[in-house]
Amino acid sequence: MGLCEFKRQHIDEAREWFIKASSSSNQDVQGKATAMLGIISENKGDYAAAEAAFATAAIDLQGIDRNEAAKRSSSSSGTQFVSDNTYTLQFGAFKNKTNADSAVTELSPSLINAGINSIWITEDTDRTGRKLYLVQAGHFTSRTAASNRRKHSDLPHCIVTVTD
């Protein structure tokens, strides 16, 4: 039920189902539910709670699910997982490169004033195969560091993204 609610964008209801499932006696169900709680926390911008949930889920999961949870965690307790990921701030996603270029031009002065001197456009593909142009800036070694920087009032609205 939690996945159905999540898919329908009923996040609070989904969270309640995943909280119940996270105390299941089935270790796989417990791990997957905890990972979903991490995803929900991440989407709400609570990166500390997300990292803790992913660290817990990584202990309970197996195989590729465990690896994915471990990648999304920078756990400092119990098992240590090494991640080669870096994090960046994303200020927009555009279907048109000209619009992305305009956003870079518009954002550059405020980002430089905020001490972020690198801003670039990354090409990506959405779920339907269409090309997107992502306006990104800054390099961070952890999601927490990027999130803390994002919270400063001197930055335009942005999200934290992971890069490989």
Protein backbone atom coordinates (compact mmCIF):
# COMPACT_ATOMS: atom_id res chain seq x y z
CA MET A 1 0.00 0.00 0.00
CA GLY A 2 2.87 2.36 0.76
CA LEU A 3 4.17 2.14 -2.81
CA CYS A 4 0.70 2.79 -4.20
CA GLU A 5 0.30 5.88 -2.04
CA PHE A 6 3.81 7.03 -2.96
CA LYS A 7 3.11 6.60 -6.66
CA ARG A 8 -0.12 8.59 -6.27
CA GLN A 9 1.94 11.38 -4.60
CA HIS A 10 0.19 10.84 -1.26
CA ILE A 11 3.50 11.11 0.55
CA ASP A 12 2.23 11.43 4.14
CA GLU A 13 0.03 8.35 3.74
CA ALA A 14 2.89 6.45 2.10
CA ARG A 15 5.19 7.42 4.97
CA GLU A 16 2.73 5.96 7.49
CA TRP A 17 2.64 2.64 5.61
CA PHE A 18 6.44 2.51 5.35
CA ILE A 19 6.81 3.25 9.07
CA LYS A 20 4.61 0.22 9.81
CA ALA A 21 6.49 -1.97 7.32
CA SER A 22 9.89 -0.88 8.68
CA SER A 23 9.16 -2.83 11.85
CA SER A 24 8.30 -6.02 9.95
CA SER A 25 9.83 -9.32 11.06
CA ASN A 26 10.83 -9.88 7.41
CA GLN A 27 14.29 -8.33 7.02
CA ASP A 28 13.86 -7.61 3.29
CA VAL A 29 10.52 -5.84 3.82
CA GLN A 30 12.02 -3.94 6.74
CA GLY A 31 15.00 -2.80 4.65
CA LYS A 32 12.95 -1.76 1.63
CA ALA A 33 10.47 0.16 3.78
CA THR A 34 13.31 1.94 5.57
CA ALA A 35 14.89 2.84 2.22
CA MET A 36 11.57 4.31 1.09
CA LEU A 37 11.48 6.39 4.28
CA GLY A 38 14.92 7.61 3.24
CA ILE A 39 13.62 8.58 -0.20
CA ILE A 40 10.71 10.45 1.37
CA SER A 41 13.04 12.29 3.77
CA GLU A 42 15.39 13.13 0.91
CA ASN A 43 12.52 14.53 -1.17
CA LYS A 44 11.45 16.71 1.76
CA GLY A 45 15.01 18.04 2.10
CA ASP A 46 15.77 16.28 5.40
CA TYR A 47 19.09 14.84 4.24
CA ALA A 48 20.30 13.86 7.71
CA ALA A 49 17.22 11.67 8.26
CA ALA A 50 17.57 10.29 4.73
CA GLU A 51 21.21 9.32 5.27
CA ALA A 52 20.33 7.61 8.56
CA ALA A 53 17.47 5.69 6.92
CA PHE A 54 19.67 4.57 4.02
CA ALA A 55 22.41 3.46 6.43
CA THR A 56 19.88 1.37 8.36
CA ALA A 57 18.35 -0.02 5.17
CA ALA A 58 21.78 -1.03 3.83
CA ILE A 59 22.23 -3.32 6.80
CA ASP A 60 18.93 -5.13 6.15
CA LEU A 61 19.02 -5.31 2.35
CA GLN A 62 20.86 -7.67 0.02
CA GLY A 63 22.54 -7.35 -3.39
CA ILE A 64 21.85 -4.36 -5.60
CA ASP A 65 19.34 -2.89 -3.14
CA ARG A 66 21.99 -2.93 -0.42
CA ASN A 67 24.52 -1.29 -2.74
CA GLU A 68 22.07 1.45 -3.71
CA ALA A 69 21.16 2.18 -0.08
CA ALA A 70 24.85 2.22 0.83
CA LYS A 71 25.61 4.67 -2.00
CA ARG A 72 22.92 7.01 -0.72
CA SER A 73 24.26 6.91 2.80
CA SER A 74 27.30 8.51 4.32
CA SER A 75 26.91 6.48 7.49
CA SER A 76 29.34 7.20 10.30
CA SER A 77 28.09 4.48 12.61
CA GLY A 78 28.34 0.74 12.35
CA THR A 79 29.26 -0.40 8.86
CA GLN A 80 31.16 2.12 6.76
CA PHE A 81 30.28 2.35 3.08
CA VAL A 82 32.57 4.09 0.64
CA SER A 83 31.00 6.26 -2.02
CA ASP A 84 32.65 7.79 -5.06
CA ASN A 85 29.73 10.19 -5.46
CA THR A 86 30.03 13.94 -5.33
CA TYR A 87 27.15 16.32 -4.89
CA THR A 88 26.16 19.54 -6.59
CA LEU A 89 23.41 22.14 -6.43
CA GLN A 90 20.91 22.17 -9.29
CA PHE A 91 19.18 25.44 -10.13
CA GLY A 92 16.98 24.30 -12.98
CA ALA A 93 16.19 21.70 -15.66
CA PHE A 94 15.35 22.94 -19.13
CA LYS A 95 14.12 21.30 -22.33
CA ASN A 96 15.75 24.05 -24.37
CA LYS A 97 19.52 24.74 -24.21
CA THR A 98 18.99 28.44 -24.91
CA ASN A 99 16.89 28.70 -21.75
CA ALA A 100 19.58 26.89 -19.78
CA ASP A 101 22.23 29.28 -21.15
CA SER A 102 20.06 32.23 -20.10
CA ALA A 103 19.70 30.78 -16.61
CA VAL A 104 23.49 30.45 -16.32
CA THR A 105 23.93 34.07 -17.38
CA GLU A 106 21.27 35.22 -14.91
CA LEU A 107 22.53 33.08 -11.98
CA SER A 108 26.28 33.63 -12.37
CA PRO A 109 26.53 37.00 -10.57
CA SER A 110 24.53 35.88 -7.52
CA LEU A 111 26.43 32.58 -7.29
CA ILE A 112 29.79 34.35 -7.54
CA ASN A 113 28.67 36.74 -4.77
CA ALA A 114 27.75 33.67 -2.70
CA GLY A 115 31.24 32.20 -3.24
CA ILE A 116 30.27 29.54 -5.80
CA ASN A 117 32.40 30.24 -8.83
CA SER A 118 31.67 27.19 -10.98
CA ILE A 119 28.35 26.93 -12.83
CA TRP A 120 27.72 24.64 -15.77
CA ILE A 121 25.13 22.84 -17.87
CA THR A 122 24.87 19.05 -17.78
CA GLU A 123 22.97 17.21 -20.50
CA ASP A 124 20.69 14.44 -19.25
CA THR A 125 17.75 12.41 -20.51
CA ASP A 126 14.36 12.26 -18.80
CA ARG A 127 12.24 9.12 -18.36
CA THR A 128 10.68 9.52 -21.78
CA GLY A 129 14.03 9.87 -23.55
CA ARG A 130 13.88 13.64 -24.06
CA LYS A 131 17.07 15.64 -23.60
CA LEU A 132 17.25 17.94 -20.57
CA TYR A 133 19.77 20.66 -19.76
CA LEU A 134 20.52 20.83 -16.03
CA VAL A 135 21.95 24.05 -14.60
CA GLN A 136 24.31 23.01 -11.79
CA ALA A 137 26.93 24.64 -9.59
CA GLY A 138 29.35 23.79 -6.79
CA HIS A 139 31.11 20.57 -5.83
CA PHE A 140 30.55 18.93 -2.43
CA THR A 141 31.93 15.72 -0.93
CA SER A 142 28.75 14.87 0.99
CA ARG A 143 25.02 15.40 0.65
CA THR A 144 25.02 17.02 4.08
CA ALA A 145 27.63 19.61 3.04
CA ALA A 146 25.65 20.44 -0.11
CA SER A 147 22.40 20.61 1.84
CA ASN A 148 23.91 22.90 4.46
CA ARG A 149 25.16 25.24 1.72
CA ARG A 150 21.77 25.14 -0.01
CA LYS A 151 20.06 26.34 3.17
CA HIS A 152 21.93 29.68 3.12
CA SER A 153 19.63 32.54 2.23
CA ASP A 154 22.17 33.97 -0.22
CA LEU A 155 21.35 31.33 -2.86
CA PRO A 156 18.46 31.15 -5.33
CA HIS A 157 16.14 28.16 -4.98
CA CYS A 158 17.97 24.90 -5.76
CA ILE A 159 18.08 21.18 -4.98
CA VAL A 160 20.94 18.87 -4.09
CA THR A 161 21.83 16.26 -6.72
CA VAL A 162 24.32 13.44 -6.83
CA THR A 163 26.88 13.04 -9.58
CA ASP A 164 28.79 9.87 -10.35
